[in-house]
Amino acid sequence: MTINEYQKEAMRSVNLESLNDRAKGLSNTGLGITGEAGEVADLIKKHLHHGHELDKEHLAKELGDVAWYLALGATVIGYELEDILQMNVNKLRKRYPDGFDAQKSQHREKGDE
């Protein structure tokens, strides 16, 4: 499955209000990503600080939920996920042409978002 196929398949389960009302779609995206990222963080916290075994399958499912909301956000703003991911790769290649560099991370060029 390609990332764009995933996006299309994921949107089969979207509440159409999120696609028909841009404000609702953006709200659903932002709140959904935040909520699911919190669940990811909680699993990691419990593993690292509370002595729980890392439940990799549960973590993978929560990461999948983050991906679902990413697909929603892309759809709401009219982008394909592949294009968004390529934009990110291009940004990172420009920022770190030779791989990660802490100095470049700490001292970014103006306009580098």
PDB file of N, CA and C in Angstrom:
ATOM      1  N   MET A   1       0.846  -1.173   0.000  1.00  0.00           N
ATOM      2  CA  MET A   1       0.000   0.000   0.000  1.00  0.00           C
ATOM      3  C   MET A   1       0.894   1.240   0.000  1.00  0.00           C
ATOM      4  N   THR A   2       0.557   2.187  -0.853  1.00  0.00           N
ATOM      5  CA  THR A   2       1.291   3.451  -0.853  1.00  0.00           C
ATOM      6  C   THR A   2       0.681   4.375   0.197  1.00  0.00           C
ATOM      7  N   ILE A   3       1.409   5.428   0.516  1.00  0.00           N
ATOM      8  CA  ILE A   3       0.909   6.377   1.510  1.00  0.00           C
ATOM      9  C   ILE A   3      -0.372   7.058   1.019  1.00  0.00           C
ATOM     10  N   ASN A   4      -0.455   7.341  -0.272  1.00  0.00           N
ATOM     11  CA  ASN A   4      -1.671   7.972  -0.796  1.00  0.00           C
ATOM     12  C   ASN A   4      -2.854   6.999  -0.804  1.00  0.00           C
ATOM     13  N   GLU A   5      -2.576   5.707  -1.020  1.00  0.00           N
ATOM     14  CA  GLU A   5      -3.631   4.701  -0.913  1.00  0.00           C
ATOM     15  C   GLU A   5      -4.128   4.626   0.530  1.00  0.00           C
ATOM     16  N   TYR A   6      -3.181   4.712   1.466  1.00  0.00           N
ATOM     17  CA  TYR A   6      -3.567   4.728   2.884  1.00  0.00           C
ATOM     18  C   TYR A   6      -4.487   5.919   3.166  1.00  0.00           C
ATOM     19  N   GLN A   7      -4.095   7.090   2.685  1.00  0.00           N
ATOM     20  CA  GLN A   7      -4.890   8.289   2.920  1.00  0.00           C
ATOM     21  C   GLN A   7      -6.319   8.100   2.415  1.00  0.00           C
ATOM     22  N   LYS A   8      -6.438   7.592   1.213  1.00  0.00           N
ATOM     23  CA  LYS A   8      -7.772   7.380   0.626  1.00  0.00           C
ATOM     24  C   LYS A   8      -8.563   6.368   1.449  1.00  0.00           C
ATOM     25  N   GLU A   9      -7.920   5.266   1.821  1.00  0.00           N
ATOM     26  CA  GLU A   9      -8.590   4.226   2.606  1.00  0.00           C
ATOM     27  C   GLU A   9      -8.981   4.758   3.986  1.00  0.00           C
ATOM     28  N   ALA A  10      -8.100   5.509   4.614  1.00  0.00           N
ATOM     29  CA  ALA A  10      -8.383   6.055   5.944  1.00  0.00           C
ATOM     30  C   ALA A  10      -9.594   6.981   5.909  1.00  0.00           C
ATOM     31  N   MET A  11      -9.724   7.745   4.845  1.00  0.00           N
ATOM     32  CA  MET A  11     -10.822   8.711   4.768  1.00  0.00           C
ATOM     33  C   MET A  11     -12.181   8.056   4.548  1.00  0.00           C
ATOM     34  N   ARG A  12     -12.202   6.753   4.332  1.00  0.00           N
ATOM     35  CA  ARG A  12     -13.474   6.030   4.265  1.00  0.00           C
ATOM     36  C   ARG A  12     -14.176   6.051   5.622  1.00  0.00           C
ATOM     37  N   SER A  13     -13.407   6.229   6.696  1.00  0.00           N
ATOM     38  CA  SER A  13     -13.986   6.178   8.039  1.00  0.00           C
ATOM     39  C   SER A  13     -14.097   7.550   8.698  1.00  0.00           C
ATOM     40  N   VAL A  14     -13.993   8.612   7.904  1.00  0.00           N
ATOM     41  CA  VAL A  14     -14.059   9.952   8.482  1.00  0.00           C
ATOM     42  C   VAL A  14     -15.517  10.401   8.631  1.00  0.00           C
ATOM     43  N   ASN A  15     -15.777  11.151   9.676  1.00  0.00           N
ATOM     44  CA  ASN A  15     -17.062  11.826   9.826  1.00  0.00           C
ATOM     45  C   ASN A  15     -17.091  12.914   8.761  1.00  0.00           C
ATOM     46  N   LEU A  16     -18.054  12.868   7.864  1.00  0.00           N
ATOM     47  CA  LEU A  16     -18.085  13.787   6.725  1.00  0.00           C
ATOM     48  C   LEU A  16     -18.123  15.250   7.128  1.00  0.00           C
ATOM     49  N   GLU A  17     -18.558  15.550   8.354  1.00  0.00           N
ATOM     50  CA  GLU A  17     -18.513  16.940   8.813  1.00  0.00           C
ATOM     51  C   GLU A  17     -17.084  17.482   8.776  1.00  0.00           C
ATOM     52  N   SER A  18     -16.104  16.613   9.015  1.00  0.00           N
ATOM     53  CA  SER A  18     -14.705  17.042   8.997  1.00  0.00           C
ATOM     54  C   SER A  18     -14.225  17.370   7.590  1.00  0.00           C
ATOM     55  N   LEU A  19     -14.901  16.831   6.584  1.00  0.00           N
ATOM     56  CA  LEU A  19     -14.530  17.135   5.200  1.00  0.00           C
ATOM     57  C   LEU A  19     -15.380  18.265   4.622  1.00  0.00           C
ATOM     58  N   ASN A  20     -16.597  18.399   5.105  1.00  0.00           N
ATOM     59  CA  ASN A  20     -17.509  19.406   4.568  1.00  0.00           C
ATOM     60  C   ASN A  20     -17.392  20.761   5.256  1.00  0.00           C
ATOM     61  N   ASP A  21     -16.812  20.794   6.444  1.00  0.00           N
ATOM     62  CA  ASP A  21     -16.647  22.029   7.204  1.00  0.00           C
ATOM     63  C   ASP A  21     -15.172  22.131   7.582  1.00  0.00           C
ATOM     64  N   ARG A  22     -14.454  23.007   6.894  1.00  0.00           N
ATOM     65  CA  ARG A  22     -13.000  23.104   7.070  1.00  0.00           C
ATOM     66  C   ARG A  22     -12.605  23.348   8.526  1.00  0.00           C
ATOM     67  N   ALA A  23     -13.340  24.200   9.225  1.00  0.00           N
ATOM     68  CA  ALA A  23     -13.011  24.486  10.625  1.00  0.00           C
ATOM     69  C   ALA A  23     -13.130  23.215  11.473  1.00  0.00           C
ATOM     70  N   LYS A  24     -14.187  22.436  11.236  1.00  0.00           N
ATOM     71  CA  LYS A  24     -14.344  21.190  11.985  1.00  0.00           C
ATOM     72  C   LYS A  24     -13.244  20.200  11.620  1.00  0.00           C
ATOM     73  N   GLY A  25     -12.882  20.161  10.343  1.00  0.00           N
ATOM     74  CA  GLY A  25     -11.812  19.261   9.928  1.00  0.00           C
ATOM     75  C   GLY A  25     -10.474  19.626  10.540  1.00  0.00           C
ATOM     76  N   LEU A  26     -10.178  20.920  10.567  1.00  0.00           N
ATOM     77  CA  LEU A  26      -8.914  21.368  11.176  1.00  0.00           C
ATOM     78  C   LEU A  26      -8.908  21.117  12.676  1.00  0.00           C
ATOM     79  N   SER A  27     -10.041  21.383  13.317  1.00  0.00           N
ATOM     80  CA  SER A  27     -10.152  21.131  14.750  1.00  0.00           C
ATOM     81  C   SER A  27      -9.993  19.647  15.057  1.00  0.00           C
ATOM     82  N   ASN A  28     -10.678  18.814  14.284  1.00  0.00           N
ATOM     83  CA  ASN A  28     -10.585  17.372  14.474  1.00  0.00           C
ATOM     84  C   ASN A  28      -9.143  16.900  14.285  1.00  0.00           C
ATOM     85  N   THR A  29      -8.472  17.456  13.278  1.00  0.00           N
ATOM     86  CA  THR A  29      -7.078  17.096  13.020  1.00  0.00           C
ATOM     87  C   THR A  29      -6.180  17.447  14.205  1.00  0.00           C
ATOM     88  N   GLY A  30      -6.210  18.707  14.599  1.00  0.00           N
ATOM     89  CA  GLY A  30      -5.315  19.164  15.666  1.00  0.00           C
ATOM     90  C   GLY A  30      -5.576  18.482  16.988  1.00  0.00           C
ATOM     91  N   LEU A  31      -6.835  18.390  17.358  1.00  0.00           N
ATOM     92  CA  LEU A  31      -7.172  17.748  18.627  1.00  0.00           C
ATOM     93  C   LEU A  31      -6.914  16.249  18.569  1.00  0.00           C
ATOM     94  N   GLY A  32      -7.196  15.648  17.409  1.00  0.00           N
ATOM     95  CA  GLY A  32      -6.965  14.210  17.268  1.00  0.00           C
ATOM     96  C   GLY A  32      -5.496  13.848  17.336  1.00  0.00           C
ATOM     97  N   ILE A  33      -4.658  14.596  16.619  1.00  0.00           N
ATOM     98  CA  ILE A  33      -3.212  14.332  16.672  1.00  0.00           C
ATOM     99  C   ILE A  33      -2.711  14.501  18.095  1.00  0.00           C
ATOM    100  N   THR A  34      -3.147  15.553  18.751  1.00  0.00           N
ATOM    101  CA  THR A  34      -2.702  15.807  20.123  1.00  0.00           C
ATOM    102  C   THR A  34      -3.129  14.681  21.060  1.00  0.00           C
ATOM    103  N   GLY A  35      -4.370  14.264  20.943  1.00  0.00           N
ATOM    104  CA  GLY A  35      -4.862  13.193  21.807  1.00  0.00           C
ATOM    105  C   GLY A  35      -4.137  11.882  21.584  1.00  0.00           C
ATOM    106  N   GLU A  36      -3.955  11.524  20.326  1.00  0.00           N
ATOM    107  CA  GLU A  36      -3.278  10.266  20.017  1.00  0.00           C
ATOM    108  C   GLU A  36      -1.790  10.334  20.374  1.00  0.00           C
ATOM    109  N   ALA A  37      -1.166  11.479  20.151  1.00  0.00           N
ATOM    110  CA  ALA A  37       0.239  11.635  20.548  1.00  0.00           C
ATOM    111  C   ALA A  37       0.378  11.507  22.063  1.00  0.00           C
ATOM    112  N   GLY A  38      -0.625  11.987  22.783  1.00  0.00           N
ATOM    113  CA  GLY A  38      -0.628  11.828  24.239  1.00  0.00           C
ATOM    114  C   GLY A  38      -0.692  10.362  24.643  1.00  0.00           C
ATOM    115  N   GLU A  39      -1.460   9.578  23.896  1.00  0.00           N
ATOM    116  CA  GLU A  39      -1.533   8.147  24.192  1.00  0.00           C
ATOM    117  C   GLU A  39      -0.197   7.470  23.909  1.00  0.00           C
ATOM    118  N   VAL A  40       0.470   7.873  22.834  1.00  0.00           N
ATOM    119  CA  VAL A  40       1.807   7.361  22.528  1.00  0.00           C
ATOM    120  C   VAL A  40       2.757   7.718  23.669  1.00  0.00           C
ATOM    121  N   ALA A  41       2.728   8.970  24.069  1.00  0.00           N
ATOM    122  CA  ALA A  41       3.611   9.431  25.146  1.00  0.00           C
ATOM    123  C   ALA A  41       3.341   8.677  26.442  1.00  0.00           C
ATOM    124  N   ASP A  42       2.080   8.415  26.739  1.00  0.00           N
ATOM    125  CA  ASP A  42       1.737   7.729  27.980  1.00  0.00           C
ATOM    126  C   ASP A  42       2.275   6.302  28.001  1.00  0.00           C
ATOM    127  N   LEU A  43       2.195   5.612  26.879  1.00  0.00           N
ATOM    128  CA  LEU A  43       2.748   4.251  26.817  1.00  0.00           C
ATOM    129  C   LEU A  43       4.256   4.263  27.046  1.00  0.00           C
ATOM    130  N   ILE A  44       4.931   5.228  26.445  1.00  0.00           N
ATOM    131  CA  ILE A  44       6.390   5.333  26.606  1.00  0.00           C
ATOM    132  C   ILE A  44       6.731   5.714  28.039  1.00  0.00           C
ATOM    133  N   LYS A  45       5.982   6.663  28.604  1.00  0.00           N
ATOM    134  CA  LYS A  45       6.208   7.077  29.998  1.00  0.00           C
ATOM    135  C   LYS A  45       6.075   5.893  30.938  1.00  0.00           C
ATOM    136  N   LYS A  46       4.999   5.122  30.762  1.00  0.00           N
ATOM    137  CA  LYS A  46       4.779   3.980  31.648  1.00  0.00           C
ATOM    138  C   LYS A  46       5.894   2.948  31.510  1.00  0.00           C
ATOM    139  N   HIS A  47       6.415   2.800  30.302  1.00  0.00           N
ATOM    140  CA  HIS A  47       7.518   1.868  30.090  1.00  0.00           C
ATOM    141  C   HIS A  47       8.799   2.381  30.755  1.00  0.00           C
ATOM    142  N   LEU A  48       9.121   3.639  30.534  1.00  0.00           N
ATOM    143  CA  LEU A  48      10.397   4.179  31.018  1.00  0.00           C
ATOM    144  C   LEU A  48      10.392   4.550  32.493  1.00  0.00           C
ATOM    145  N   HIS A  49       9.234   4.947  33.015  1.00  0.00           N
ATOM    146  CA  HIS A  49       9.219   5.480  34.378  1.00  0.00           C
ATOM    147  C   HIS A  49       8.392   4.682  35.373  1.00  0.00           C
ATOM    148  N   HIS A  50       7.544   3.770  34.898  1.00  0.00           N
ATOM    149  CA  HIS A  50       6.692   3.012  35.813  1.00  0.00           C
ATOM    150  C   HIS A  50       6.970   1.517  35.778  1.00  0.00           C
ATOM    151  N   GLY A  51       7.949   1.121  34.992  1.00  0.00           N
ATOM    152  CA  GLY A  51       8.341  -0.275  34.961  1.00  0.00           C
ATOM    153  C   GLY A  51       7.442  -1.189  34.148  1.00  0.00           C
ATOM    154  N   HIS A  52       6.551  -0.629  33.337  1.00  0.00           N
ATOM    155  CA  HIS A  52       5.693  -1.468  32.493  1.00  0.00           C
ATOM    156  C   HIS A  52       6.502  -2.029  31.330  1.00  0.00           C
ATOM    157  N   GLU A  53       6.143  -3.227  30.895  1.00  0.00           N
ATOM    158  CA  GLU A  53       6.710  -3.745  29.666  1.00  0.00           C
ATOM    159  C   GLU A  53       6.218  -2.867  28.519  1.00  0.00           C
ATOM    160  N   LEU A  54       7.063  -2.677  27.527  1.00  0.00           N
ATOM    161  CA  LEU A  54       6.633  -1.908  26.371  1.00  0.00           C
ATOM    162  C   LEU A  54       5.727  -2.784  25.526  1.00  0.00           C
ATOM    163  N   ASP A  55       4.494  -2.360  25.398  1.00  0.00           N
ATOM    164  CA  ASP A  55       3.519  -3.077  24.572  1.00  0.00           C
ATOM    165  C   ASP A  55       3.647  -2.523  23.153  1.00  0.00           C
ATOM    166  N   LYS A  56       4.520  -3.146  22.364  1.00  0.00           N
ATOM    167  CA  LYS A  56       4.813  -2.630  21.029  1.00  0.00           C
ATOM    168  C   LYS A  56       3.591  -2.660  20.116  1.00  0.00           C
ATOM    169  N   GLU A  57       2.766  -3.671  20.258  1.00  0.00           N
ATOM    170  CA  GLU A  57       1.578  -3.734  19.411  1.00  0.00           C
ATOM    171  C   GLU A  57       0.622  -2.586  19.722  1.00  0.00           C
ATOM    172  N   HIS A  58       0.427  -2.316  21.010  1.00  0.00           N
ATOM    173  CA  HIS A  58      -0.435  -1.197  21.397  1.00  0.00           C
ATOM    174  C   HIS A  58       0.163   0.123  20.904  1.00  0.00           C
ATOM    175  N   LEU A  59       1.475   0.277  21.069  1.00  0.00           N
ATOM    176  CA  LEU A  59       2.151   1.480  20.587  1.00  0.00           C
ATOM    177  C   LEU A  59       1.989   1.626  19.076  1.00  0.00           C
ATOM    178  N   ALA A  60       2.140   0.545  18.350  1.00  0.00           N
ATOM    179  CA  ALA A  60       1.981   0.579  16.891  1.00  0.00           C
ATOM    180  C   ALA A  60       0.567   1.012  16.513  1.00  0.00           C
ATOM    181  N   LYS A  61      -0.432   0.532  17.239  1.00  0.00           N
ATOM    182  CA  LYS A  61      -1.815   0.919  16.948  1.00  0.00           C
ATOM    183  C   LYS A  61      -2.041   2.405  17.213  1.00  0.00           C
ATOM    184  N   GLU A  62      -1.450   2.914  18.285  1.00  0.00           N
ATOM    185  CA  GLU A  62      -1.588   4.342  18.585  1.00  0.00           C
ATOM    186  C   GLU A  62      -0.860   5.185  17.529  1.00  0.00           C
ATOM    187  N   LEU A  63       0.288   4.727  17.070  1.00  0.00           N
ATOM    188  CA  LEU A  63       0.983   5.430  15.985  1.00  0.00           C
ATOM    189  C   LEU A  63       0.127   5.423  14.720  1.00  0.00           C
ATOM    190  N   GLY A  64      -0.583   4.336  14.493  1.00  0.00           N
ATOM    191  CA  GLY A  64      -1.510   4.275  13.369  1.00  0.00           C
ATOM    192  C   GLY A  64      -2.623   5.300  13.510  1.00  0.00           C
ATOM    193  N   ASP A  65      -3.092   5.515  14.730  1.00  0.00           N
ATOM    194  CA  ASP A  65      -4.118   6.537  14.960  1.00  0.00           C
ATOM    195  C   ASP A  65      -3.573   7.934  14.669  1.00  0.00           C
ATOM    196  N   VAL A  66      -2.314   8.178  15.037  1.00  0.00           N
ATOM    197  CA  VAL A  66      -1.680   9.460  14.696  1.00  0.00           C
ATOM    198  C   VAL A  66      -1.661   9.618  13.175  1.00  0.00           C
ATOM    199  N   ALA A  67      -1.311   8.541  12.473  1.00  0.00           N
ATOM    200  CA  ALA A  67      -1.259   8.584  11.006  1.00  0.00           C
ATOM    201  C   ALA A  67      -2.644   8.887  10.425  1.00  0.00           C
ATOM    202  N   TRP A  68      -3.687   8.353  11.035  1.00  0.00           N
ATOM    203  CA  TRP A  68      -5.039   8.603  10.545  1.00  0.00           C
ATOM    204  C   TRP A  68      -5.345  10.101  10.596  1.00  0.00           C
ATOM    205  N   TYR A  69      -5.018  10.723  11.714  1.00  0.00           N
ATOM    206  CA  TYR A  69      -5.285  12.161  11.840  1.00  0.00           C
ATOM    207  C   TYR A  69      -4.390  12.983  10.921  1.00  0.00           C
ATOM    208  N   LEU A  70      -3.179  12.519  10.676  1.00  0.00           N
ATOM    209  CA  LEU A  70      -2.311  13.180   9.697  1.00  0.00           C
ATOM    210  C   LEU A  70      -2.954  13.115   8.314  1.00  0.00           C
ATOM    211  N   ALA A  71      -3.510  11.957   7.971  1.00  0.00           N
ATOM    212  CA  ALA A  71      -4.196  11.808   6.689  1.00  0.00           C
ATOM    213  C   ALA A  71      -5.408  12.735   6.617  1.00  0.00           C
ATOM    214  N   LEU A  72      -6.127  12.865   7.710  1.00  0.00           N
ATOM    215  CA  LEU A  72      -7.270  13.774   7.736  1.00  0.00           C
ATOM    216  C   LEU A  72      -6.812  15.206   7.482  1.00  0.00           C
ATOM    217  N   GLY A  73      -5.781  15.634   8.206  1.00  0.00           N
ATOM    218  CA  GLY A  73      -5.302  17.000   8.031  1.00  0.00           C
ATOM    219  C   GLY A  73      -4.865  17.278   6.610  1.00  0.00           C
ATOM    220  N   ALA A  74      -4.165  16.349   6.018  1.00  0.00           N
ATOM    221  CA  ALA A  74      -3.729  16.512   4.633  1.00  0.00           C
ATOM    222  C   ALA A  74      -4.934  16.639   3.712  1.00  0.00           C
ATOM    223  N   THR A  75      -5.927  15.807   3.930  1.00  0.00           N
ATOM    224  CA  THR A  75      -7.124  15.840   3.095  1.00  0.00           C
ATOM    225  C   THR A  75      -7.855  17.168   3.250  1.00  0.00           C
ATOM    226  N   VAL A  76      -7.991  17.628   4.479  1.00  0.00           N
ATOM    227  CA  VAL A  76      -8.710  18.872   4.742  1.00  0.00           C
ATOM    228  C   VAL A  76      -8.055  20.062   4.035  1.00  0.00           C
ATOM    229  N   ILE A  77      -6.722  20.079   3.967  1.00  0.00           N
ATOM    230  CA  ILE A  77      -6.048  21.214   3.321  1.00  0.00           C
ATOM    231  C   ILE A  77      -5.755  20.956   1.843  1.00  0.00           C
ATOM    232  N   GLY A  78      -6.201  19.812   1.337  1.00  0.00           N
ATOM    233  CA  GLY A  78      -6.100  19.541  -0.088  1.00  0.00           C
ATOM    234  C   GLY A  78      -4.750  19.028  -0.557  1.00  0.00           C
ATOM    235  N   TYR A  79      -4.045  18.313   0.310  1.00  0.00           N
ATOM    236  CA  TYR A  79      -2.743  17.745  -0.048  1.00  0.00           C
ATOM    237  C   TYR A  79      -2.812  16.229  -0.013  1.00  0.00           C
ATOM    238  N   GLU A  80      -1.960  15.607  -0.799  1.00  0.00           N
ATOM    239  CA  GLU A  80      -1.747  14.167  -0.667  1.00  0.00           C
ATOM    240  C   GLU A  80      -0.613  13.967   0.334  1.00  0.00           C
ATOM    241  N   LEU A  81      -0.716  12.901   1.115  1.00  0.00           N
ATOM    242  CA  LEU A  81       0.313  12.622   2.122  1.00  0.00           C
ATOM    243  C   LEU A  81       1.708  12.508   1.498  1.00  0.00           C
ATOM    244  N   GLU A  82       1.793  11.901   0.329  1.00  0.00           N
ATOM    245  CA  GLU A  82       3.104  11.755  -0.310  1.00  0.00           C
ATOM    246  C   GLU A  82       3.757  13.115  -0.530  1.00  0.00           C
ATOM    247  N   ASP A  83       2.967  14.096  -0.932  1.00  0.00           N
ATOM    248  CA  ASP A  83       3.515  15.437  -1.153  1.00  0.00           C
ATOM    249  C   ASP A  83       3.984  16.065   0.154  1.00  0.00           C
ATOM    250  N   ILE A  84       3.218  15.882   1.220  1.00  0.00           N
ATOM    251  CA  ILE A  84       3.608  16.427   2.521  1.00  0.00           C
ATOM    252  C   ILE A  84       4.901  15.776   3.004  1.00  0.00           C
ATOM    253  N   LEU A  85       4.996  14.467   2.859  1.00  0.00           N
ATOM    254  CA  LEU A  85       6.207  13.772   3.302  1.00  0.00           C
ATOM    255  C   LEU A  85       7.410  14.182   2.465  1.00  0.00           C
ATOM    256  N   GLN A  86       7.220  14.384   1.159  1.00  0.00           N
ATOM    257  CA  GLN A  86       8.317  14.833   0.305  1.00  0.00           C
ATOM    258  C   GLN A  86       8.757  16.244   0.694  1.00  0.00           C
ATOM    259  N   MET A  87       7.792  17.115   1.010  1.00  0.00           N
ATOM    260  CA  MET A  87       8.128  18.461   1.463  1.00  0.00           C
ATOM    261  C   MET A  87       8.988  18.402   2.719  1.00  0.00           C
ATOM    262  N   ASN A  88       8.652  17.492   3.626  1.00  0.00           N
ATOM    263  CA  ASN A  88       9.410  17.352   4.858  1.00  0.00           C
ATOM    264  C   ASN A  88      10.822  16.848   4.597  1.00  0.00           C
ATOM    265  N   VAL A  89      10.954  15.865   3.709  1.00  0.00           N
ATOM    266  CA  VAL A  89      12.281  15.359   3.347  1.00  0.00           C
ATOM    267  C   VAL A  89      13.116  16.472   2.726  1.00  0.00           C
ATOM    268  N   ASN A  90      12.512  17.249   1.845  1.00  0.00           N
ATOM    269  CA  ASN A  90      13.239  18.356   1.210  1.00  0.00           C
ATOM    270  C   ASN A  90      13.724  19.366   2.243  1.00  0.00           C
ATOM    271  N   LYS A  91      12.859  19.689   3.203  1.00  0.00           N
ATOM    272  CA  LYS A  91      13.218  20.627   4.266  1.00  0.00           C
ATOM    273  C   LYS A  91      14.385  20.089   5.087  1.00  0.00           C
ATOM    274  N   LEU A  92      14.316  18.812   5.442  1.00  0.00           N
ATOM    275  CA  LEU A  92      15.366  18.214   6.264  1.00  0.00           C
ATOM    276  C   LEU A  92      16.684  18.092   5.504  1.00  0.00           C
ATOM    277  N   ARG A  93      16.613  17.786   4.217  1.00  0.00           N
ATOM    278  CA  ARG A  93      17.848  17.726   3.411  1.00  0.00           C
ATOM    279  C   ARG A  93      18.515  19.084   3.331  1.00  0.00           C
ATOM    280  N   LYS A  94      17.703  20.130   3.215  1.00  0.00           N
ATOM    281  CA  LYS A  94      18.259  21.488   3.170  1.00  0.00           C
ATOM    282  C   LYS A  94      18.870  21.853   4.523  1.00  0.00           C
ATOM    283  N   ARG A  95      18.168  21.506   5.600  1.00  0.00           N
ATOM    284  CA  ARG A  95      18.626  21.842   6.948  1.00  0.00           C
ATOM    285  C   ARG A  95      19.865  21.034   7.333  1.00  0.00           C
ATOM    286  N   TYR A  96      19.877  19.758   6.983  1.00  0.00           N
ATOM    287  CA  TYR A  96      20.969  18.856   7.362  1.00  0.00           C
ATOM    288  C   TYR A  96      21.500  18.141   6.122  1.00  0.00           C
ATOM    289  N   PRO A  97      22.197  18.828   5.245  1.00  0.00           N
ATOM    290  CA  PRO A  97      22.642  18.207   3.996  1.00  0.00           C
ATOM    291  C   PRO A  97      23.566  17.004   4.206  1.00  0.00           C
ATOM    292  N   ASP A  98      24.268  16.968   5.324  1.00  0.00           N
ATOM    293  CA  ASP A  98      25.186  15.858   5.601  1.00  0.00           C
ATOM    294  C   ASP A  98      24.706  15.003   6.764  1.00  0.00           C
ATOM    295  N   GLY A  99      23.428  15.048   7.060  1.00  0.00           N
ATOM    296  CA  GLY A  99      22.889  14.334   8.205  1.00  0.00           C
ATOM    297  C   GLY A  99      22.740  15.272   9.393  1.00  0.00           C
ATOM    298  N   PHE A 100      22.148  14.768  10.464  1.00  0.00           N
ATOM    299  CA  PHE A 100      21.878  15.606  11.634  1.00  0.00           C
ATOM    300  C   PHE A 100      23.147  16.254  12.151  1.00  0.00           C
ATOM    301  N   ASP A 101      22.999  17.503  12.539  1.00  0.00           N
ATOM    302  CA  ASP A 101      24.107  18.279  13.093  1.00  0.00           C
ATOM    303  C   ASP A 101      23.531  19.130  14.223  1.00  0.00           C
ATOM    304  N   ALA A 102      23.979  18.871  15.460  1.00  0.00           N
ATOM    305  CA  ALA A 102      23.436  19.583  16.617  1.00  0.00           C
ATOM    306  C   ALA A 102      23.617  21.091  16.474  1.00  0.00           C
ATOM    307  N   GLN A 103      24.746  21.514  15.946  1.00  0.00           N
ATOM    308  CA  GLN A 103      25.012  22.948  15.768  1.00  0.00           C
ATOM    309  C   GLN A 103      23.970  23.570  14.837  1.00  0.00           C
ATOM    310  N   LYS A 104      23.669  22.895  13.736  1.00  0.00           N
ATOM    311  CA  LYS A 104      22.676  23.416  12.796  1.00  0.00           C
ATOM    312  C   LYS A 104      21.282  23.380  13.411  1.00  0.00           C
ATOM    313  N   SER A 105      21.037  22.422  14.278  1.00  0.00           N
ATOM    314  CA  SER A 105      19.755  22.343  14.952  1.00  0.00           C
ATOM    315  C   SER A 105      19.562  23.522  15.902  1.00  0.00           C
ATOM    316  N   GLN A 106      20.631  23.893  16.576  1.00  0.00           N
ATOM    317  CA  GLN A 106      20.565  24.970  17.565  1.00  0.00           C
ATOM    318  C   GLN A 106      20.591  26.354  16.926  1.00  0.00           C
ATOM    319  N   HIS A 107      21.125  26.470  15.729  1.00  0.00           N
ATOM    320  CA  HIS A 107      21.282  27.751  15.070  1.00  0.00           C
ATOM    321  C   HIS A 107      20.704  27.675  13.663  1.00  0.00           C
ATOM    322  N   ARG A 108      19.393  27.666  13.592  1.00  0.00           N
ATOM    323  CA  ARG A 108      18.724  27.551  12.293  1.00  0.00           C
ATOM    324  C   ARG A 108      18.742  28.886  11.560  1.00  0.00           C
ATOM    325  N   GLU A 109      18.705  28.768  10.235  1.00  0.00           N
ATOM    326  CA  GLU A 109      18.628  29.964   9.421  1.00  0.00           C
ATOM    327  C   GLU A 109      17.260  30.597   9.570  1.00  0.00           C
ATOM    328  N   LYS A 110      17.185  31.907   9.387  1.00  0.00           N
ATOM    329  CA  LYS A 110      15.914  32.608   9.455  1.00  0.00           C
ATOM    330  C   LYS A 110      14.959  32.026   8.405  1.00  0.00           C
ATOM    331  N   GLY A 111      13.729  31.801   8.818  1.00  0.00           N
ATOM    332  CA  GLY A 111      12.726  31.245   7.914  1.00  0.00           C
ATOM    333  C   GLY A 111      12.704  29.732   7.859  1.00  0.00           C
ATOM    334  N   ASP A 112      13.622  29.062   8.561  1.00  0.00           N
ATOM    335  CA  ASP A 112      13.661  27.598   8.576  1.00  0.00           C
ATOM    336  C   ASP A 112      12.644  27.108   9.592  1.00  0.00           C
ATOM    337  N   GLU A 113      11.540  26.610   9.091  1.00  0.00           N
ATOM    338  CA  GLU A 113      10.457  26.169   9.979  1.00  0.00           C
ATOM    339  C   GLU A 113      10.358  24.672  10.007  1.00  0.00           C
TER     340      GLU A 113
END
